[in-house]
Amino acid sequence: MALAKQRDFYAWFWRAPLVIWQVLFFVVPLAFMFVLSFWLVKNYRMTPAFALDNWAKMLGWNIFWSAYGYTLGLALSATVLASVLAFPASFGLAFKLNDTARRWAVFLLIIPFFTSYLVRVYAWQVVLAGNGIISAFLAWFGLGPVSLLNTPTGTIIGYLTLSFPLVVILQTISLASIDKTLIEAAHNMGCSPFRTIFSVIIPAAKVGLIVAALFCFILSFGDFVSPYYLGGSKPPTLSIMIVDSTKSGQQWPRAAVIAVVMILSLLTVAFGAVTAAYRRRG
């Protein structure tokens, strides 16, 4: 009995930092933001209150729902593109390279995270501008100029810059952990390479593939840098609306409404994705 209690104590002791971190840096800020969303702004000063004015204003505003749909569409597009484009690279890293080469490849994918995301986005401005590298290249063929700056395409390119290396890494880890005997069994049964991929490899790596897509969606949905510097901020995404709200009459409570809606949306998507990832096939 004493040994069991000691094990329970150590189990809770090692879990405590994670619980404390979640409470201090997620639950408490979210709770404060939720409370702040009911405050009022009078004479450019926030006043503690419990009023639904901010929620009624934002949820009844067509511009808010347009921004919500635009943000959701961009994030979903980036997620699908990143997942599809990353899979061939991840497949090659997982099955065509030995362990040493794979580790070096993963290390190279990590290197972009050592640099500022903002700096990488600024670099894309040079490439995507009307007088940038892409236009200069097309000019050799008598085409252009073509500007992808301040467009939805520019925003999605920025999202991919942020999330694509992470998606490749997560997919590679998931694919490399597949039991190779399953693939060999499929080949022995006469399955074609494509059927093996779709019938064996993808189902076996389902959890990792969905988690990789989920991370891409979360990073894209809440990003501010790419929509602002590459997308031109018009039409605005939800993150841009938060900044605009704080600059417009110090409307922090309305910005809190947007933030709470974003977080609830992400939690809903995350719950659905995790449920789908771990659902067993009937």
C-alpha atoms as a PDB file:
ATOM      1  CA  MET A   1       0.000   0.000   0.000  1.00  0.00           C
ATOM      2  CA  ALA A   2       2.799   2.398   0.939  1.00  0.00           C
ATOM      3  CA  LEU A   3       4.652   1.584  -2.294  1.00  0.00           C
ATOM      4  CA  ALA A   4       1.521   2.268  -4.334  1.00  0.00           C
ATOM      5  CA  LYS A   5       1.024   5.639  -2.633  1.00  0.00           C
ATOM      6  CA  GLN A   6       4.660   6.492  -3.268  1.00  0.00           C
ATOM      7  CA  ARG A   7       4.241   5.688  -6.963  1.00  0.00           C
ATOM      8  CA  ASP A   8       1.107   7.848  -7.137  1.00  0.00           C
ATOM      9  CA  PHE A   9       2.983  10.704  -5.476  1.00  0.00           C
ATOM     10  CA  TYR A  10       5.842  10.530  -7.960  1.00  0.00           C
ATOM     11  CA  ALA A  11       3.375  10.277 -10.868  1.00  0.00           C
ATOM     12  CA  TRP A  12       1.593  13.449  -9.782  1.00  0.00           C
ATOM     13  CA  PHE A  13       4.916  15.132  -8.949  1.00  0.00           C
ATOM     14  CA  TRP A  14       6.216  14.711 -12.497  1.00  0.00           C
ATOM     15  CA  ARG A  15       2.872  15.729 -13.999  1.00  0.00           C
ATOM     16  CA  ALA A  16       2.668  18.891 -11.906  1.00  0.00           C
ATOM     17  CA  PRO A  17       4.917  21.098 -14.118  1.00  0.00           C
ATOM     18  CA  LEU A  18       2.785  20.338 -17.179  1.00  0.00           C
ATOM     19  CA  VAL A  19      -0.432  21.068 -15.289  1.00  0.00           C
ATOM     20  CA  ILE A  20       0.981  24.287 -13.835  1.00  0.00           C
ATOM     21  CA  TRP A  21       2.219  25.404 -17.253  1.00  0.00           C
ATOM     22  CA  GLN A  22      -1.191  24.748 -18.827  1.00  0.00           C
ATOM     23  CA  VAL A  23      -2.992  26.636 -16.070  1.00  0.00           C
ATOM     24  CA  LEU A  24      -0.670  29.660 -16.014  1.00  0.00           C
ATOM     25  CA  PHE A  25      -0.124  30.115 -19.740  1.00  0.00           C
ATOM     26  CA  PHE A  26      -3.398  28.843 -21.235  1.00  0.00           C
ATOM     27  CA  VAL A  27      -6.301  28.576 -18.804  1.00  0.00           C
ATOM     28  CA  VAL A  28      -5.668  31.836 -16.915  1.00  0.00           C
ATOM     29  CA  PRO A  29      -5.104  34.033 -20.026  1.00  0.00           C
ATOM     30  CA  LEU A  30      -8.122  32.455 -21.742  1.00  0.00           C
ATOM     31  CA  ALA A  31     -10.289  33.037 -18.679  1.00  0.00           C
ATOM     32  CA  PHE A  32      -9.123  36.663 -18.421  1.00  0.00           C
ATOM     33  CA  MET A  33      -9.773  37.215 -22.118  1.00  0.00           C
ATOM     34  CA  PHE A  34     -13.265  35.755 -21.755  1.00  0.00           C
ATOM     35  CA  VAL A  35     -14.024  38.083 -18.828  1.00  0.00           C
ATOM     36  CA  LEU A  36     -12.519  41.041 -20.705  1.00  0.00           C
ATOM     37  CA  SER A  37     -14.895  40.431 -23.611  1.00  0.00           C
ATOM     38  CA  PHE A  38     -17.801  41.586 -21.401  1.00  0.00           C
ATOM     39  CA  TRP A  39     -16.159  44.866 -20.360  1.00  0.00           C
ATOM     40  CA  LEU A  40     -17.115  48.188 -21.906  1.00  0.00           C
ATOM     41  CA  VAL A  41     -15.039  51.049 -23.291  1.00  0.00           C
ATOM     42  CA  LYS A  42     -16.109  54.515 -22.195  1.00  0.00           C
ATOM     43  CA  ASN A  43     -14.119  57.606 -23.135  1.00  0.00           C
ATOM     44  CA  TYR A  44     -11.310  55.373 -24.433  1.00  0.00           C
ATOM     45  CA  ARG A  45     -11.026  53.639 -21.059  1.00  0.00           C
ATOM     46  CA  MET A  46     -12.024  50.066 -20.261  1.00  0.00           C
ATOM     47  CA  THR A  47     -14.678  49.722 -17.609  1.00  0.00           C
ATOM     48  CA  PRO A  48     -15.305  46.414 -15.796  1.00  0.00           C
ATOM     49  CA  ALA A  49     -18.818  45.233 -16.560  1.00  0.00           C
ATOM     50  CA  PHE A  50     -20.825  42.195 -17.563  1.00  0.00           C
ATOM     51  CA  ALA A  51     -22.526  43.300 -20.756  1.00  0.00           C
ATOM     52  CA  LEU A  52     -23.178  41.474 -24.008  1.00  0.00           C
ATOM     53  CA  ASP A  53     -22.665  44.579 -26.141  1.00  0.00           C
ATOM     54  CA  ASN A  54     -19.328  43.471 -27.578  1.00  0.00           C
ATOM     55  CA  TRP A  55     -20.576  39.981 -28.417  1.00  0.00           C
ATOM     56  CA  ALA A  56     -23.720  41.364 -30.046  1.00  0.00           C
ATOM     57  CA  LYS A  57     -21.680  43.894 -32.013  1.00  0.00           C
ATOM     58  CA  MET A  58     -19.079  41.435 -33.328  1.00  0.00           C
ATOM     59  CA  LEU A  59     -21.320  38.408 -33.928  1.00  0.00           C
ATOM     60  CA  GLY A  60     -23.884  40.587 -35.671  1.00  0.00           C
ATOM     61  CA  TRP A  61     -21.291  42.253 -37.894  1.00  0.00           C
ATOM     62  CA  ASN A  62     -21.097  40.894 -41.438  1.00  0.00           C
ATOM     63  CA  ILE A  63     -17.478  42.030 -41.782  1.00  0.00           C
ATOM     64  CA  PHE A  64     -16.539  39.777 -38.858  1.00  0.00           C
ATOM     65  CA  TRP A  65     -18.082  36.698 -40.472  1.00  0.00           C
ATOM     66  CA  SER A  66     -16.502  37.577 -43.814  1.00  0.00           C
ATOM     67  CA  ALA A  67     -13.121  37.744 -42.096  1.00  0.00           C
ATOM     68  CA  TYR A  68     -13.864  34.465 -40.313  1.00  0.00           C
ATOM     69  CA  GLY A  69     -14.681  32.692 -43.567  1.00  0.00           C
ATOM     70  CA  TYR A  70     -11.673  34.218 -45.309  1.00  0.00           C
ATOM     71  CA  THR A  71      -9.341  33.157 -42.484  1.00  0.00           C
ATOM     72  CA  LEU A  72     -10.804  29.664 -42.403  1.00  0.00           C
ATOM     73  CA  GLY A  73     -10.504  29.292 -46.176  1.00  0.00           C
ATOM     74  CA  LEU A  74      -6.867  30.396 -46.226  1.00  0.00           C
ATOM     75  CA  ALA A  75      -5.947  28.101 -43.333  1.00  0.00           C
ATOM     76  CA  LEU A  76      -7.704  25.096 -44.889  1.00  0.00           C
ATOM     77  CA  SER A  77      -6.071  25.773 -48.273  1.00  0.00           C
ATOM     78  CA  ALA A  78      -2.625  25.982 -46.696  1.00  0.00           C
ATOM     79  CA  THR A  79      -3.285  22.807 -44.701  1.00  0.00           C
ATOM     80  CA  VAL A  80      -4.333  20.798 -47.743  1.00  0.00           C
ATOM     81  CA  LEU A  81      -1.433  22.113 -49.846  1.00  0.00           C
ATOM     82  CA  ALA A  82       1.145  21.504 -47.133  1.00  0.00           C
ATOM     83  CA  SER A  83      -0.120  17.985 -46.440  1.00  0.00           C
ATOM     84  CA  VAL A  84      -0.218  16.988 -50.128  1.00  0.00           C
ATOM     85  CA  LEU A  85       3.109  18.583 -51.068  1.00  0.00           C
ATOM     86  CA  ALA A  86       4.880  17.275 -47.973  1.00  0.00           C
ATOM     87  CA  PHE A  87       3.844  13.645 -48.423  1.00  0.00           C
ATOM     88  CA  PRO A  88       6.171  12.768 -51.355  1.00  0.00           C
ATOM     89  CA  ALA A  89       9.110  14.360 -49.538  1.00  0.00           C
ATOM     90  CA  SER A  90       8.213  12.597 -46.289  1.00  0.00           C
ATOM     91  CA  PHE A  91       7.759   9.299 -48.118  1.00  0.00           C
ATOM     92  CA  GLY A  92      11.212   9.598 -49.654  1.00  0.00           C
ATOM     93  CA  LEU A  93      12.810  10.522 -46.334  1.00  0.00           C
ATOM     94  CA  ALA A  94      11.093   7.661 -44.512  1.00  0.00           C
ATOM     95  CA  PHE A  95      11.591   4.820 -47.006  1.00  0.00           C
ATOM     96  CA  LYS A  96      14.384   5.805 -49.410  1.00  0.00           C
ATOM     97  CA  LEU A  97      17.055   7.033 -46.999  1.00  0.00           C
ATOM     98  CA  ASN A  98      18.979   5.241 -44.296  1.00  0.00           C
ATOM     99  CA  ASP A  99      18.767   6.379 -40.681  1.00  0.00           C
ATOM    100  CA  THR A 100      21.841   8.617 -40.864  1.00  0.00           C
ATOM    101  CA  ALA A 101      20.734  10.432 -44.014  1.00  0.00           C
ATOM    102  CA  ARG A 102      17.219  10.806 -42.607  1.00  0.00           C
ATOM    103  CA  ARG A 103      18.541  12.409 -39.418  1.00  0.00           C
ATOM    104  CA  TRP A 104      20.579  14.898 -41.455  1.00  0.00           C
ATOM    105  CA  ALA A 105      17.561  15.696 -43.625  1.00  0.00           C
ATOM    106  CA  VAL A 106      15.400  16.330 -40.558  1.00  0.00           C
ATOM    107  CA  PHE A 107      18.151  18.551 -39.136  1.00  0.00           C
ATOM    108  CA  LEU A 108      18.157  20.608 -42.344  1.00  0.00           C
ATOM    109  CA  LEU A 109      14.377  20.974 -42.070  1.00  0.00           C
ATOM    110  CA  ILE A 110      14.768  22.278 -38.531  1.00  0.00           C
ATOM    111  CA  ILE A 111      17.257  24.993 -39.569  1.00  0.00           C
ATOM    112  CA  PRO A 112      14.545  27.435 -40.823  1.00  0.00           C
ATOM    113  CA  PHE A 113      13.148  27.543 -37.280  1.00  0.00           C
ATOM    114  CA  PHE A 114      16.481  28.999 -36.136  1.00  0.00           C
ATOM    115  CA  THR A 115      15.751  32.141 -38.159  1.00  0.00           C
ATOM    116  CA  SER A 116      13.058  34.733 -37.616  1.00  0.00           C
ATOM    117  CA  TYR A 117       9.778  33.990 -39.344  1.00  0.00           C
ATOM    118  CA  LEU A 118       9.374  37.713 -39.976  1.00  0.00           C
ATOM    119  CA  VAL A 119      12.734  37.835 -41.782  1.00  0.00           C
ATOM    120  CA  ARG A 120      11.712  34.919 -44.007  1.00  0.00           C
ATOM    121  CA  VAL A 121       8.453  36.678 -44.861  1.00  0.00           C
ATOM    122  CA  TYR A 122      10.330  39.862 -45.756  1.00  0.00           C
ATOM    123  CA  ALA A 123      12.496  37.783 -48.085  1.00  0.00           C
ATOM    124  CA  TRP A 124       9.343  36.586 -49.844  1.00  0.00           C
ATOM    125  CA  GLN A 125       8.365  40.201 -50.491  1.00  0.00           C
ATOM    126  CA  VAL A 126      11.415  40.528 -52.723  1.00  0.00           C
ATOM    127  CA  VAL A 127      10.430  37.367 -54.589  1.00  0.00           C
ATOM    128  CA  LEU A 128       6.703  38.054 -54.976  1.00  0.00           C
ATOM    129  CA  ALA A 129       6.690  41.774 -55.788  1.00  0.00           C
ATOM    130  CA  GLY A 130       5.832  43.019 -59.279  1.00  0.00           C
ATOM    131  CA  ASN A 131       9.486  43.885 -59.849  1.00  0.00           C
ATOM    132  CA  GLY A 132      10.722  40.869 -57.929  1.00  0.00           C
ATOM    133  CA  ILE A 133      12.509  37.665 -58.821  1.00  0.00           C
ATOM    134  CA  ILE A 134       9.472  35.865 -60.255  1.00  0.00           C
ATOM    135  CA  SER A 135       8.660  38.758 -62.602  1.00  0.00           C
ATOM    136  CA  ALA A 136      12.309  39.025 -63.648  1.00  0.00           C
ATOM    137  CA  PHE A 137      12.329  35.311 -64.465  1.00  0.00           C
ATOM    138  CA  LEU A 138       9.088  35.527 -66.465  1.00  0.00           C
ATOM    139  CA  ALA A 139      10.445  38.532 -68.370  1.00  0.00           C
ATOM    140  CA  TRP A 140      12.965  36.209 -70.037  1.00  0.00           C
ATOM    141  CA  PHE A 141       9.994  34.500 -71.710  1.00  0.00           C
ATOM    142  CA  GLY A 142       8.225  37.748 -72.567  1.00  0.00           C
ATOM    143  CA  LEU A 143       5.714  37.339 -69.747  1.00  0.00           C
ATOM    144  CA  GLY A 144       4.797  39.463 -66.775  1.00  0.00           C
ATOM    145  CA  PRO A 145       5.163  41.430 -64.750  1.00  0.00           C
ATOM    146  CA  VAL A 146       3.265  39.287 -62.246  1.00  0.00           C
ATOM    147  CA  SER A 147       2.847  40.373 -58.650  1.00  0.00           C
ATOM    148  CA  LEU A 148       1.801  37.819 -56.056  1.00  0.00           C
ATOM    149  CA  LEU A 149       2.353  40.300 -53.253  1.00  0.00           C
ATOM    150  CA  ASN A 150      -0.748  41.541 -51.418  1.00  0.00           C
ATOM    151  CA  THR A 151      -2.799  38.599 -52.683  1.00  0.00           C
ATOM    152  CA  PRO A 152      -4.311  35.503 -51.041  1.00  0.00           C
ATOM    153  CA  THR A 153      -1.658  33.463 -52.859  1.00  0.00           C
ATOM    154  CA  GLY A 154       1.033  35.480 -51.116  1.00  0.00           C
ATOM    155  CA  THR A 155      -0.607  34.788 -47.766  1.00  0.00           C
ATOM    156  CA  ILE A 156      -0.728  31.036 -48.423  1.00  0.00           C
ATOM    157  CA  ILE A 157       2.945  31.060 -49.466  1.00  0.00           C
ATOM    158  CA  GLY A 158       3.718  32.695 -46.131  1.00  0.00           C
ATOM    159  CA  TYR A 159       1.686  30.050 -44.299  1.00  0.00           C
ATOM    160  CA  LEU A 160       3.630  27.322 -46.093  1.00  0.00           C
ATOM    161  CA  THR A 161       6.892  29.027 -45.152  1.00  0.00           C
ATOM    162  CA  LEU A 162       5.821  28.817 -41.524  1.00  0.00           C
ATOM    163  CA  SER A 163       4.406  25.300 -41.401  1.00  0.00           C
ATOM    164  CA  PHE A 164       5.757  23.217 -44.300  1.00  0.00           C
ATOM    165  CA  PRO A 165       9.033  22.078 -42.645  1.00  0.00           C
ATOM    166  CA  LEU A 166       7.112  21.031 -39.532  1.00  0.00           C
ATOM    167  CA  VAL A 167       4.585  19.080 -41.596  1.00  0.00           C
ATOM    168  CA  VAL A 168       7.387  17.226 -43.410  1.00  0.00           C
ATOM    169  CA  ILE A 169       9.104  16.376 -40.107  1.00  0.00           C
ATOM    170  CA  LEU A 170       5.923  15.074 -38.455  1.00  0.00           C
ATOM    171  CA  GLN A 171       4.918  13.074 -41.525  1.00  0.00           C
ATOM    172  CA  THR A 172       8.419  11.591 -41.801  1.00  0.00           C
ATOM    173  CA  ILE A 173       8.423  10.498 -38.165  1.00  0.00           C
ATOM    174  CA  SER A 174       5.015   8.902 -38.610  1.00  0.00           C
ATOM    175  CA  LEU A 175       5.899   7.101 -41.849  1.00  0.00           C
ATOM    176  CA  ALA A 176       9.282   5.893 -40.556  1.00  0.00           C
ATOM    177  CA  SER A 177       7.586   4.253 -37.561  1.00  0.00           C
ATOM    178  CA  ILE A 178       5.349   2.017 -39.709  1.00  0.00           C
ATOM    179  CA  ASP A 179       5.914  -1.705 -39.294  1.00  0.00           C
ATOM    180  CA  LYS A 180       7.763  -2.634 -42.494  1.00  0.00           C
ATOM    181  CA  THR A 181       6.336  -6.157 -42.402  1.00  0.00           C
ATOM    182  CA  LEU A 182       2.925  -4.709 -43.292  1.00  0.00           C
ATOM    183  CA  ILE A 183       4.367  -3.204 -46.474  1.00  0.00           C
ATOM    184  CA  GLU A 184       6.183  -6.429 -47.327  1.00  0.00           C
ATOM    185  CA  ALA A 185       2.972  -8.402 -46.794  1.00  0.00           C
ATOM    186  CA  ALA A 186       1.102  -6.073 -49.157  1.00  0.00           C
ATOM    187  CA  HIS A 187       3.771  -6.544 -51.822  1.00  0.00           C
ATOM    188  CA  ASN A 188       3.696 -10.319 -51.377  1.00  0.00           C
ATOM    189  CA  MET A 189      -0.068 -10.257 -51.911  1.00  0.00           C
ATOM    190  CA  GLY A 190       0.422  -8.496 -55.230  1.00  0.00           C
ATOM    191  CA  CYS A 191      -0.608  -4.968 -54.251  1.00  0.00           C
ATOM    192  CA  SER A 192       0.627  -2.261 -56.578  1.00  0.00           C
ATOM    193  CA  PRO A 193       2.772   0.548 -55.103  1.00  0.00           C
ATOM    194  CA  PHE A 194      -0.125   3.010 -55.239  1.00  0.00           C
ATOM    195  CA  ARG A 195      -2.543   0.577 -53.616  1.00  0.00           C
ATOM    196  CA  THR A 196       0.035  -0.132 -50.914  1.00  0.00           C
ATOM    197  CA  ILE A 197       0.317   3.581 -50.203  1.00  0.00           C
ATOM    198  CA  PHE A 198      -3.414   4.178 -49.943  1.00  0.00           C
ATOM    199  CA  SER A 199      -4.425   0.856 -48.356  1.00  0.00           C
ATOM    200  CA  VAL A 200      -1.519   0.228 -45.991  1.00  0.00           C
ATOM    201  CA  ILE A 201       0.845   3.162 -45.499  1.00  0.00           C
ATOM    202  CA  ILE A 202      -1.612   6.038 -45.140  1.00  0.00           C
ATOM    203  CA  PRO A 203      -3.960   4.146 -42.749  1.00  0.00           C
ATOM    204  CA  ALA A 204      -0.970   3.010 -40.670  1.00  0.00           C
ATOM    205  CA  ALA A 205       0.381   6.569 -40.460  1.00  0.00           C
ATOM    206  CA  LYS A 206      -3.048   8.186 -40.064  1.00  0.00           C
ATOM    207  CA  VAL A 207      -2.419   9.612 -36.608  1.00  0.00           C
ATOM    208  CA  GLY A 208       0.814  11.356 -37.575  1.00  0.00           C
ATOM    209  CA  LEU A 209      -0.581  12.662 -40.868  1.00  0.00           C
ATOM    210  CA  ILE A 210      -3.631  14.170 -39.181  1.00  0.00           C
ATOM    211  CA  VAL A 211      -1.557  15.682 -36.366  1.00  0.00           C
ATOM    212  CA  ALA A 212       0.789  17.256 -38.936  1.00  0.00           C
ATOM    213  CA  ALA A 213      -2.186  18.757 -40.777  1.00  0.00           C
ATOM    214  CA  LEU A 214      -3.631  19.970 -37.474  1.00  0.00           C
ATOM    215  CA  PHE A 215      -0.431  21.816 -36.583  1.00  0.00           C
ATOM    216  CA  CYS A 216      -0.409  23.453 -40.003  1.00  0.00           C
ATOM    217  CA  PHE A 217      -4.010  24.585 -39.577  1.00  0.00           C
ATOM    218  CA  ILE A 218      -3.412  25.973 -36.081  1.00  0.00           C
ATOM    219  CA  LEU A 219      -0.321  27.924 -37.146  1.00  0.00           C
ATOM    220  CA  SER A 220      -2.040  29.290 -40.250  1.00  0.00           C
ATOM    221  CA  PHE A 221      -5.381  30.153 -38.656  1.00  0.00           C
ATOM    222  CA  GLY A 222      -3.820  32.359 -35.999  1.00  0.00           C
ATOM    223  CA  ASP A 223      -0.987  33.877 -38.016  1.00  0.00           C
ATOM    224  CA  PHE A 224      -0.721  37.646 -38.366  1.00  0.00           C
ATOM    225  CA  VAL A 225       2.589  38.149 -40.182  1.00  0.00           C
ATOM    226  CA  SER A 226       1.793  36.574 -43.567  1.00  0.00           C
ATOM    227  CA  PRO A 227      -1.678  38.125 -44.052  1.00  0.00           C
ATOM    228  CA  TYR A 228      -0.266  41.532 -43.134  1.00  0.00           C
ATOM    229  CA  TYR A 229       3.030  41.572 -45.034  1.00  0.00           C
ATOM    230  CA  LEU A 230       2.271  39.229 -47.948  1.00  0.00           C
ATOM    231  CA  GLY A 231      -1.514  39.424 -48.177  1.00  0.00           C
ATOM    232  CA  GLY A 232      -1.833  43.182 -47.854  1.00  0.00           C
ATOM    233  CA  SER A 233      -4.258  42.861 -44.908  1.00  0.00           C
ATOM    234  CA  LYS A 234      -7.235  43.381 -47.245  1.00  0.00           C
ATOM    235  CA  PRO A 235      -9.566  41.648 -46.878  1.00  0.00           C
ATOM    236  CA  PRO A 236      -8.590  41.263 -43.236  1.00  0.00           C
ATOM    237  CA  THR A 237      -8.107  38.003 -41.409  1.00  0.00           C
ATOM    238  CA  LEU A 238      -9.227  37.581 -37.806  1.00  0.00           C
ATOM    239  CA  SER A 239      -5.731  38.248 -36.472  1.00  0.00           C
ATOM    240  CA  ILE A 240      -5.637  41.552 -38.357  1.00  0.00           C
ATOM    241  CA  MET A 241      -9.099  42.422 -37.035  1.00  0.00           C
ATOM    242  CA  ILE A 242      -7.771  41.966 -33.489  1.00  0.00           C
ATOM    243  CA  VAL A 243      -5.012  44.521 -34.110  1.00  0.00           C
ATOM    244  CA  ASP A 244      -7.410  46.913 -35.859  1.00  0.00           C
ATOM    245  CA  SER A 245      -9.854  46.674 -32.946  1.00  0.00           C
ATOM    246  CA  THR A 246      -7.202  47.572 -30.381  1.00  0.00           C
ATOM    247  CA  LYS A 247      -6.134  50.573 -32.465  1.00  0.00           C
ATOM    248  CA  SER A 248      -9.706  51.747 -33.011  1.00  0.00           C
ATOM    249  CA  GLY A 249     -10.784  53.444 -29.814  1.00  0.00           C
ATOM    250  CA  GLN A 250      -8.896  51.001 -27.597  1.00  0.00           C
ATOM    251  CA  GLN A 251     -11.549  48.345 -28.207  1.00  0.00           C
ATOM    252  CA  TRP A 252      -9.730  45.591 -26.343  1.00  0.00           C
ATOM    253  CA  PRO A 253     -13.011  43.911 -25.284  1.00  0.00           C
ATOM    254  CA  ARG A 254     -14.073  43.511 -28.923  1.00  0.00           C
ATOM    255  CA  ALA A 255     -10.621  42.168 -29.748  1.00  0.00           C
ATOM    256  CA  ALA A 256     -11.107  39.712 -26.880  1.00  0.00           C
ATOM    257  CA  VAL A 257     -14.353  38.515 -28.484  1.00  0.00           C
ATOM    258  CA  ILE A 258     -12.487  37.769 -31.719  1.00  0.00           C
ATOM    259  CA  ALA A 259      -9.695  36.009 -29.836  1.00  0.00           C
ATOM    260  CA  VAL A 260     -12.124  33.854 -27.846  1.00  0.00           C
ATOM    261  CA  VAL A 261     -13.961  32.853 -31.040  1.00  0.00           C
ATOM    262  CA  MET A 262     -10.630  31.941 -32.651  1.00  0.00           C
ATOM    263  CA  ILE A 263      -9.536  29.836 -29.686  1.00  0.00           C
ATOM    264  CA  LEU A 264     -12.887  28.052 -29.463  1.00  0.00           C
ATOM    265  CA  SER A 265     -12.707  27.345 -33.202  1.00  0.00           C
ATOM    266  CA  LEU A 266      -9.196  25.921 -32.873  1.00  0.00           C
ATOM    267  CA  LEU A 267     -10.207  23.766 -29.903  1.00  0.00           C
ATOM    268  CA  THR A 268     -13.169  22.434 -31.877  1.00  0.00           C
ATOM    269  CA  VAL A 269     -10.985  21.613 -34.879  1.00  0.00           C
ATOM    270  CA  ALA A 270      -8.318  20.050 -32.650  1.00  0.00           C
ATOM    271  CA  PHE A 271     -10.879  17.888 -30.860  1.00  0.00           C
ATOM    272  CA  GLY A 272     -12.370  16.749 -34.159  1.00  0.00           C
ATOM    273  CA  ALA A 273      -8.947  16.030 -35.674  1.00  0.00           C
ATOM    274  CA  VAL A 274      -7.715  14.036 -32.680  1.00  0.00           C
ATOM    275  CA  THR A 275     -10.982  12.098 -32.562  1.00  0.00           C
ATOM    276  CA  ALA A 276     -10.645  11.265 -36.258  1.00  0.00           C
ATOM    277  CA  ALA A 277      -6.981  10.327 -35.822  1.00  0.00           C
ATOM    278  CA  TYR A 278      -7.614   7.778 -33.090  1.00  0.00           C
ATOM    279  CA  ARG A 279     -10.926   6.454 -34.365  1.00  0.00           C
ATOM    280  CA  ARG A 280     -10.687   2.771 -35.166  1.00  0.00           C
ATOM    281  CA  ARG A 281     -12.006   1.569 -38.473  1.00  0.00           C
ATOM    282  CA  GLY A 282     -15.128  -0.479 -38.098  1.00  0.00           C
END
